[in-house]
């Protein structure tokens, strides 16, 4: 739900979109596991960390937000 806002104001929504995607990917992974049917994700929460790093390095994500994201990801 935050993607349009992110593209309008990346600095403001960089952390929000990363945390939202992180939660979405974890929920998706959990749902696949508990379904018992298997499944495939287009991207894992581990890969999203690359995007968070890029946002941080480009100055779009605050250091405190990035550090919090990494703590959660670990």
PDB file of N, CA and C in Angstrom:
ATOM      1  N   UNK A   1       0.798  -1.219   0.000  1.00  0.00           N
ATOM      2  CA  UNK A   1       0.000   0.000   0.000  1.00  0.00           C
ATOM      3  C   UNK A   1       0.841   1.284   0.000  1.00  0.00           C
ATOM      4  N   UNK A   2       2.136   1.177   0.279  1.00  0.00           N
ATOM      5  CA  UNK A   2       2.981   2.363   0.379  1.00  0.00           C
ATOM      6  C   UNK A   2       3.774   2.666  -0.891  1.00  0.00           C
ATOM      7  N   UNK A   3       3.685   1.819  -1.884  1.00  0.00           N
ATOM      8  CA  UNK A   3       4.518   1.993  -3.068  1.00  0.00           C
ATOM      9  C   UNK A   3       4.291   3.334  -3.779  1.00  0.00           C
ATOM     10  N   UNK A   4       3.058   3.774  -4.004  1.00  0.00           N
ATOM     11  CA  UNK A   4       2.883   5.083  -4.654  1.00  0.00           C
ATOM     12  C   UNK A   4       3.495   6.226  -3.838  1.00  0.00           C
ATOM     13  N   UNK A   5       3.300   6.199  -2.534  1.00  0.00           N
ATOM     14  CA  UNK A   5       3.877   7.249  -1.684  1.00  0.00           C
ATOM     15  C   UNK A   5       5.405   7.197  -1.714  1.00  0.00           C
ATOM     16  N   UNK A   6       5.959   5.988  -1.728  1.00  0.00           N
ATOM     17  CA  UNK A   6       7.404   5.833  -1.780  1.00  0.00           C
ATOM     18  C   UNK A   6       7.977   6.499  -3.020  1.00  0.00           C
ATOM     19  N   UNK A   7       7.352   6.286  -4.161  1.00  0.00           N
ATOM     20  CA  UNK A   7       7.871   6.877  -5.401  1.00  0.00           C
ATOM     21  C   UNK A   7       7.663   8.390  -5.443  1.00  0.00           C
ATOM     22  N   UNK A   8       6.713   8.893  -4.691  1.00  0.00           N
ATOM     23  CA  UNK A   8       6.515  10.344  -4.601  1.00  0.00           C
ATOM     24  C   UNK A   8       7.521  10.999  -3.659  1.00  0.00           C
ATOM     25  N   UNK A   9       7.900  10.307  -2.577  1.00  0.00           N
ATOM     26  CA  UNK A   9       8.799  10.881  -1.578  1.00  0.00           C
ATOM     27  C   UNK A   9       9.635   9.756  -0.962  1.00  0.00           C
ATOM     28  N   UNK A  10      10.711   9.392  -1.651  1.00  0.00           N
ATOM     29  CA  UNK A  10      11.514   8.245  -1.223  1.00  0.00           C
ATOM     30  C   UNK A  10      12.123   8.425   0.160  1.00  0.00           C
ATOM     31  N   UNK A  11      12.584   9.620   0.464  1.00  0.00           N
ATOM     32  CA  UNK A  11      13.206   9.840   1.773  1.00  0.00           C
ATOM     33  C   UNK A  11      12.204   9.618   2.904  1.00  0.00           C
ATOM     34  N   UNK A  12      10.992  10.071   2.695  1.00  0.00           N
ATOM     35  CA  UNK A  12       9.974   9.945   3.742  1.00  0.00           C
ATOM     36  C   UNK A  12       9.502   8.506   3.925  1.00  0.00           C
ATOM     37  N   UNK A  13       9.384   7.765   2.829  1.00  0.00           N
ATOM     38  CA  UNK A  13       8.777   6.436   2.887  1.00  0.00           C
ATOM     39  C   UNK A  13       9.754   5.274   2.729  1.00  0.00           C
ATOM     40  N   UNK A  14      11.059   5.538   2.660  1.00  0.00           N
ATOM     41  CA  UNK A  14      12.034   4.462   2.458  1.00  0.00           C
ATOM     42  C   UNK A  14      11.940   3.407   3.561  1.00  0.00           C
ATOM     43  N   UNK A  15      11.971   3.835   4.806  1.00  0.00           N
ATOM     44  CA  UNK A  15      11.902   2.878   5.908  1.00  0.00           C
ATOM     45  C   UNK A  15      10.541   2.200   5.959  1.00  0.00           C
ATOM     46  N   UNK A  16       9.496   2.960   5.756  1.00  0.00           N
ATOM     47  CA  UNK A  16       8.134   2.406   5.803  1.00  0.00           C
ATOM     48  C   UNK A  16       7.961   1.294   4.789  1.00  0.00           C
ATOM     49  N   UNK A  17       8.393   1.530   3.557  1.00  0.00           N
ATOM     50  CA  UNK A  17       8.223   0.512   2.516  1.00  0.00           C
ATOM     51  C   UNK A  17       9.074  -0.715   2.812  1.00  0.00           C
ATOM     52  N   UNK A  18      10.274  -0.510   3.339  1.00  0.00           N
ATOM     53  CA  UNK A  18      11.139  -1.651   3.650  1.00  0.00           C
ATOM     54  C   UNK A  18      10.569  -2.498   4.780  1.00  0.00           C
ATOM     55  N   UNK A  19      10.059  -1.856   5.823  1.00  0.00           N
ATOM     56  CA  UNK A  19       9.466  -2.617   6.918  1.00  0.00           C
ATOM     57  C   UNK A  19       8.189  -3.323   6.465  1.00  0.00           C
ATOM     58  N   UNK A  20       7.397  -2.666   5.632  1.00  0.00           N
ATOM     59  CA  UNK A  20       6.166  -3.279   5.130  1.00  0.00           C
ATOM     60  C   UNK A  20       6.486  -4.488   4.265  1.00  0.00           C
ATOM     61  N   UNK A  21       7.452  -4.375   3.384  1.00  0.00           N
ATOM     62  CA  UNK A  21       7.852  -5.487   2.515  1.00  0.00           C
ATOM     63  C   UNK A  21       8.440  -6.624   3.339  1.00  0.00           C
ATOM     64  N   UNK A  22       9.210  -6.287   4.369  1.00  0.00           N
ATOM     65  CA  UNK A  22       9.799  -7.299   5.249  1.00  0.00           C
ATOM     66  C   UNK A  22       8.693  -8.130   5.895  1.00  0.00           C
ATOM     67  N   UNK A  23       7.714  -7.470   6.447  1.00  0.00           N
ATOM     68  CA  UNK A  23       6.592  -8.163   7.090  1.00  0.00           C
ATOM     69  C   UNK A  23       5.814  -8.984   6.067  1.00  0.00           C
ATOM     70  N   UNK A  24       5.574  -8.409   4.879  1.00  0.00           N
ATOM     71  CA  UNK A  24       4.854  -9.126   3.832  1.00  0.00           C
ATOM     72  C   UNK A  24       5.583 -10.403   3.434  1.00  0.00           C
ATOM     73  N   UNK A  25       6.892 -10.313   3.232  1.00  0.00           N
ATOM     74  CA  UNK A  25       7.676 -11.491   2.810  1.00  0.00           C
ATOM     75  C   UNK A  25       7.693 -12.567   3.903  1.00  0.00           C
ATOM     76  N   UNK A  26       7.837 -12.155   5.153  1.00  0.00           N
ATOM     77  CA  UNK A  26       7.813 -13.135   6.239  1.00  0.00           C
ATOM     78  C   UNK A  26       6.453 -13.818   6.329  1.00  0.00           C
ATOM     79  N   UNK A  27       5.390 -13.042   6.196  1.00  0.00           N
ATOM     80  CA  UNK A  27       4.043 -13.617   6.238  1.00  0.00           C
ATOM     81  C   UNK A  27       3.835 -14.576   5.070  1.00  0.00           C
ATOM     82  N   UNK A  28       4.299 -14.183   3.899  1.00  0.00           N
ATOM     83  CA  UNK A  28       4.175 -15.032   2.718  1.00  0.00           C
ATOM     84  C   UNK A  28       4.936 -16.346   2.915  1.00  0.00           C
ATOM     85  N   UNK A  29       6.143 -16.256   3.432  1.00  0.00           N
ATOM     86  CA  UNK A  29       6.952 -17.447   3.695  1.00  0.00           C
ATOM     87  C   UNK A  29       6.266 -18.354   4.712  1.00  0.00           C
ATOM     88  N   UNK A  30       5.747 -17.765   5.764  1.00  0.00           N
ATOM     89  CA  UNK A  30       5.025 -18.527   6.794  1.00  0.00           C
ATOM     90  C   UNK A  30       3.813 -19.230   6.181  1.00  0.00           C
ATOM     91  N   UNK A  31       3.040 -18.503   5.391  1.00  0.00           N
ATOM     92  CA  UNK A  31       1.839 -19.082   4.782  1.00  0.00           C
ATOM     93  C   UNK A  31       2.186 -20.261   3.875  1.00  0.00           C
ATOM     94  N   UNK A  32       3.277 -20.134   3.130  1.00  0.00           N
ATOM     95  CA  UNK A  32       3.705 -21.233   2.259  1.00  0.00           C
ATOM     96  C   UNK A  32       4.062 -22.455   3.094  1.00  0.00           C
ATOM     97  N   UNK A  33       4.812 -22.238   4.184  1.00  0.00           N
ATOM     98  CA  UNK A  33       5.224 -23.354   5.035  1.00  0.00           C
ATOM     99  C   UNK A  33       4.033 -24.072   5.657  1.00  0.00           C
ATOM    100  N   UNK A  34       3.109 -23.312   6.222  1.00  0.00           N
ATOM    101  CA  UNK A  34       2.006 -23.948   6.947  1.00  0.00           C
ATOM    102  C   UNK A  34       0.934 -24.519   6.018  1.00  0.00           C
ATOM    103  N   UNK A  35       0.935 -24.100   4.753  1.00  0.00           N
ATOM    104  CA  UNK A  35      -0.074 -24.623   3.829  1.00  0.00           C
ATOM    105  C   UNK A  35       0.124 -26.112   3.554  1.00  0.00           C
ATOM    106  N   UNK A  36       1.390 -26.564   3.664  1.00  0.00           N
ATOM    107  CA  UNK A  36       1.668 -27.959   3.376  1.00  0.00           C
ATOM    108  C   UNK A  36       1.711 -28.282   1.892  1.00  0.00           C
ATOM    109  N   UNK A  37       1.461 -27.296   1.043  1.00  0.00           N
ATOM    110  CA  UNK A  37       1.443 -27.503  -0.406  1.00  0.00           C
ATOM    111  C   UNK A  37       2.734 -27.048  -1.068  1.00  0.00           C
ATOM    112  N   UNK A  38       3.562 -26.324  -0.335  1.00  0.00           N
ATOM    113  CA  UNK A  38       4.765 -25.754  -0.933  1.00  0.00           C
ATOM    114  C   UNK A  38       4.428 -24.488  -1.694  1.00  0.00           C
ATOM    115  N   UNK A  39       5.418 -23.894  -2.266  1.00  0.00           N
ATOM    116  CA  UNK A  39       5.197 -22.679  -3.037  1.00  0.00           C
ATOM    117  C   UNK A  39       6.510 -21.997  -3.359  1.00  0.00           C
ATOM    118  N   UNK A  40       6.409 -20.938  -4.140  1.00  0.00           N
ATOM    119  CA  UNK A  40       7.576 -20.192  -4.576  1.00  0.00           C
ATOM    120  C   UNK A  40       7.331 -18.711  -4.331  1.00  0.00           C
ATOM    121  N   UNK A  41       8.317 -18.063  -3.757  1.00  0.00           N
ATOM    122  CA  UNK A  41       8.245 -16.618  -3.568  1.00  0.00           C
ATOM    123  C   UNK A  41       9.045 -15.938  -4.675  1.00  0.00           C
ATOM    124  N   UNK A  42       8.577 -14.787  -5.130  1.00  0.00           N
ATOM    125  CA  UNK A  42       9.320 -14.048  -6.147  1.00  0.00           C
ATOM    126  C   UNK A  42      10.586 -13.422  -5.574  1.00  0.00           C
ATOM    127  N   UNK A  43      10.578 -13.144  -4.282  1.00  0.00           N
ATOM    128  CA  UNK A  43      11.744 -12.583  -3.595  1.00  0.00           C
ATOM    129  C   UNK A  43      11.609 -12.907  -2.119  1.00  0.00           C
ATOM    130  N   UNK A  44      12.725 -13.192  -1.476  1.00  0.00           N
ATOM    131  CA  UNK A  44      12.682 -13.468  -0.049  1.00  0.00           C
ATOM    132  C   UNK A  44      12.968 -12.206   0.750  1.00  0.00           C
ATOM    133  N   UNK A  45      12.711 -12.278   2.044  1.00  0.00           N
ATOM    134  CA  UNK A  45      13.016 -11.136   2.907  1.00  0.00           C
ATOM    135  C   UNK A  45      14.512 -10.894   2.963  1.00  0.00           C
ATOM    136  N   UNK A  46      15.322 -11.907   2.673  1.00  0.00           N
ATOM    137  CA  UNK A  46      16.775 -11.719   2.659  1.00  0.00           C
ATOM    138  C   UNK A  46      17.182 -10.828   1.486  1.00  0.00           C
ATOM    139  N   UNK A  47      16.558 -11.017   0.347  1.00  0.00           N
ATOM    140  CA  UNK A  47      16.881 -10.186  -0.817  1.00  0.00           C
ATOM    141  C   UNK A  47      16.444  -8.739  -0.624  1.00  0.00           C
ATOM    142  N   UNK A  48      15.371  -8.531   0.106  1.00  0.00           N
ATOM    143  CA  UNK A  48      14.917  -7.159   0.358  1.00  0.00           C
ATOM    144  C   UNK A  48      15.953  -6.351   1.122  1.00  0.00           C
ATOM    145  N   UNK A  49      16.815  -7.029   1.871  1.00  0.00           N
ATOM    146  CA  UNK A  49      17.873  -6.327   2.602  1.00  0.00           C
ATOM    147  C   UNK A  49      18.811  -5.601   1.638  1.00  0.00           C
ATOM    148  N   UNK A  50      18.969  -6.121   0.438  1.00  0.00           N
ATOM    149  CA  UNK A  50      19.792  -5.449  -0.577  1.00  0.00           C
ATOM    150  C   UNK A  50      19.181  -4.098  -0.934  1.00  0.00           C
ATOM    151  N   UNK A  51      17.872  -4.051  -1.073  1.00  0.00           N
ATOM    152  CA  UNK A  51      17.194  -2.791  -1.386  1.00  0.00           C
ATOM    153  C   UNK A  51      17.323  -1.804  -0.231  1.00  0.00           C
ATOM    154  N   UNK A  52      17.209  -2.304   0.987  1.00  0.00           N
ATOM    155  CA  UNK A  52      17.373  -1.430   2.156  1.00  0.00           C
ATOM    156  C   UNK A  52      18.777  -0.835   2.168  1.00  0.00           C
ATOM    157  N   UNK A  53      19.766  -1.644   1.887  1.00  0.00           N
ATOM    158  CA  UNK A  53      21.146  -1.154   1.855  1.00  0.00           C
ATOM    159  C   UNK A  53      21.329  -0.091   0.776  1.00  0.00           C
ATOM    160  N   UNK A  54      20.752  -0.321  -0.385  1.00  0.00           N
ATOM    161  CA  UNK A  54      20.848   0.669  -1.471  1.00  0.00           C
ATOM    162  C   UNK A  54      20.174   1.980  -1.090  1.00  0.00           C
ATOM    163  N   UNK A  55      19.017   1.898  -0.450  1.00  0.00           N
ATOM    164  CA  UNK A  55      18.335   3.107  -0.014  1.00  0.00           C
ATOM    165  C   UNK A  55      19.165   3.858   1.017  1.00  0.00           C
ATOM    166  N   UNK A  56      19.778   3.123   1.925  1.00  0.00           N
ATOM    167  CA  UNK A  56      20.625   3.752   2.933  1.00  0.00           C
ATOM    168  C   UNK A  56      21.848   4.404   2.297  1.00  0.00           C
ATOM    169  N   UNK A  57      22.539   3.670   1.445  1.00  0.00           N
ATOM    170  CA  UNK A  57      23.756   4.190   0.815  1.00  0.00           C
ATOM    171  C   UNK A  57      23.484   5.386  -0.098  1.00  0.00           C
ATOM    172  N   UNK A  58      22.290   5.440  -0.649  1.00  0.00           N
ATOM    173  CA  UNK A  58      21.947   6.566  -1.526  1.00  0.00           C
ATOM    174  C   UNK A  58      21.433   7.770  -0.745  1.00  0.00           C
ATOM    175  N   UNK A  59      21.354   7.636   0.584  1.00  0.00           N
ATOM    176  CA  UNK A  59      20.897   8.742   1.417  1.00  0.00           C
ATOM    177  C   UNK A  59      19.387   8.861   1.539  1.00  0.00           C
ATOM    178  N   UNK A  60      18.675   7.870   1.050  1.00  0.00           N
ATOM    179  CA  UNK A  60      17.208   7.915   1.096  1.00  0.00           C
ATOM    180  C   UNK A  60      16.646   7.320   2.384  1.00  0.00           C
ATOM    181  N   UNK A  61      17.436   6.490   3.074  1.00  0.00           N
ATOM    182  CA  UNK A  61      16.988   5.908   4.336  1.00  0.00           C
ATOM    183  C   UNK A  61      17.921   6.385   5.449  1.00  0.00           C
ATOM    184  N   UNK A  62      17.312   6.793   6.544  1.00  0.00           N
ATOM    185  CA  UNK A  62      18.089   7.261   7.695  1.00  0.00           C
ATOM    186  C   UNK A  62      18.875   6.105   8.312  1.00  0.00           C
ATOM    187  N   UNK A  63      20.015   6.438   8.882  1.00  0.00           N
ATOM    188  CA  UNK A  63      20.885   5.428   9.473  1.00  0.00           C
ATOM    189  C   UNK A  63      20.178   4.645  10.574  1.00  0.00           C
ATOM    190  N   UNK A  64      19.455   5.325  11.446  1.00  0.00           N
ATOM    191  CA  UNK A  64      18.755   4.641  12.541  1.00  0.00           C
ATOM    192  C   UNK A  64      17.730   3.652  11.995  1.00  0.00           C
ATOM    193  N   UNK A  65      17.011   4.037  10.942  1.00  0.00           N
ATOM    194  CA  UNK A  65      16.030   3.133  10.334  1.00  0.00           C
ATOM    195  C   UNK A  65      16.720   1.929   9.709  1.00  0.00           C
ATOM    196  N   UNK A  66      17.831   2.178   9.020  1.00  0.00           N
ATOM    197  CA  UNK A  66      18.570   1.080   8.394  1.00  0.00           C
ATOM    198  C   UNK A  66      19.094   0.110   9.457  1.00  0.00           C
ATOM    199  N   UNK A  67      19.665   0.646  10.513  1.00  0.00           N
ATOM    200  CA  UNK A  67      20.199  -0.205  11.572  1.00  0.00           C
ATOM    201  C   UNK A  67      19.089  -1.040  12.218  1.00  0.00           C
ATOM    202  N   UNK A  68      17.930  -0.448  12.417  1.00  0.00           N
ATOM    203  CA  UNK A  68      16.798  -1.192  12.963  1.00  0.00           C
ATOM    204  C   UNK A  68      16.351  -2.291  12.003  1.00  0.00           C
ATOM    205  N   UNK A  69      16.290  -1.970  10.724  1.00  0.00           N
ATOM    206  CA  UNK A  69      15.924  -2.964   9.712  1.00  0.00           C
ATOM    207  C   UNK A  69      16.892  -4.143   9.749  1.00  0.00           C
ATOM    208  N   UNK A  70      18.186  -3.865   9.800  1.00  0.00           N
ATOM    209  CA  UNK A  70      19.187  -4.933   9.814  1.00  0.00           C
ATOM    210  C   UNK A  70      19.038  -5.787  11.078  1.00  0.00           C
ATOM    211  N   UNK A  71      18.793  -5.158  12.215  1.00  0.00           N
ATOM    212  CA  UNK A  71      18.592  -5.926  13.457  1.00  0.00           C
ATOM    213  C   UNK A  71      17.411  -6.879  13.316  1.00  0.00           C
ATOM    214  N   UNK A  72      16.340  -6.415  12.726  1.00  0.00           N
ATOM    215  CA  UNK A  72      15.175  -7.287  12.519  1.00  0.00           C
ATOM    216  C   UNK A  72      15.491  -8.402  11.540  1.00  0.00           C
ATOM    217  N   UNK A  73      16.178  -8.070  10.483  1.00  0.00           N
ATOM    218  CA  UNK A  73      16.500  -9.074   9.458  1.00  0.00           C
ATOM    219  C   UNK A  73      17.414 -10.157  10.007  1.00  0.00           C
ATOM    220  N   UNK A  74      18.304  -9.781  10.894  1.00  0.00           N
ATOM    221  CA  UNK A  74      19.226 -10.776  11.467  1.00  0.00           C
ATOM    222  C   UNK A  74      18.494 -11.672  12.454  1.00  0.00           C
TER     223      UNK A  74
END
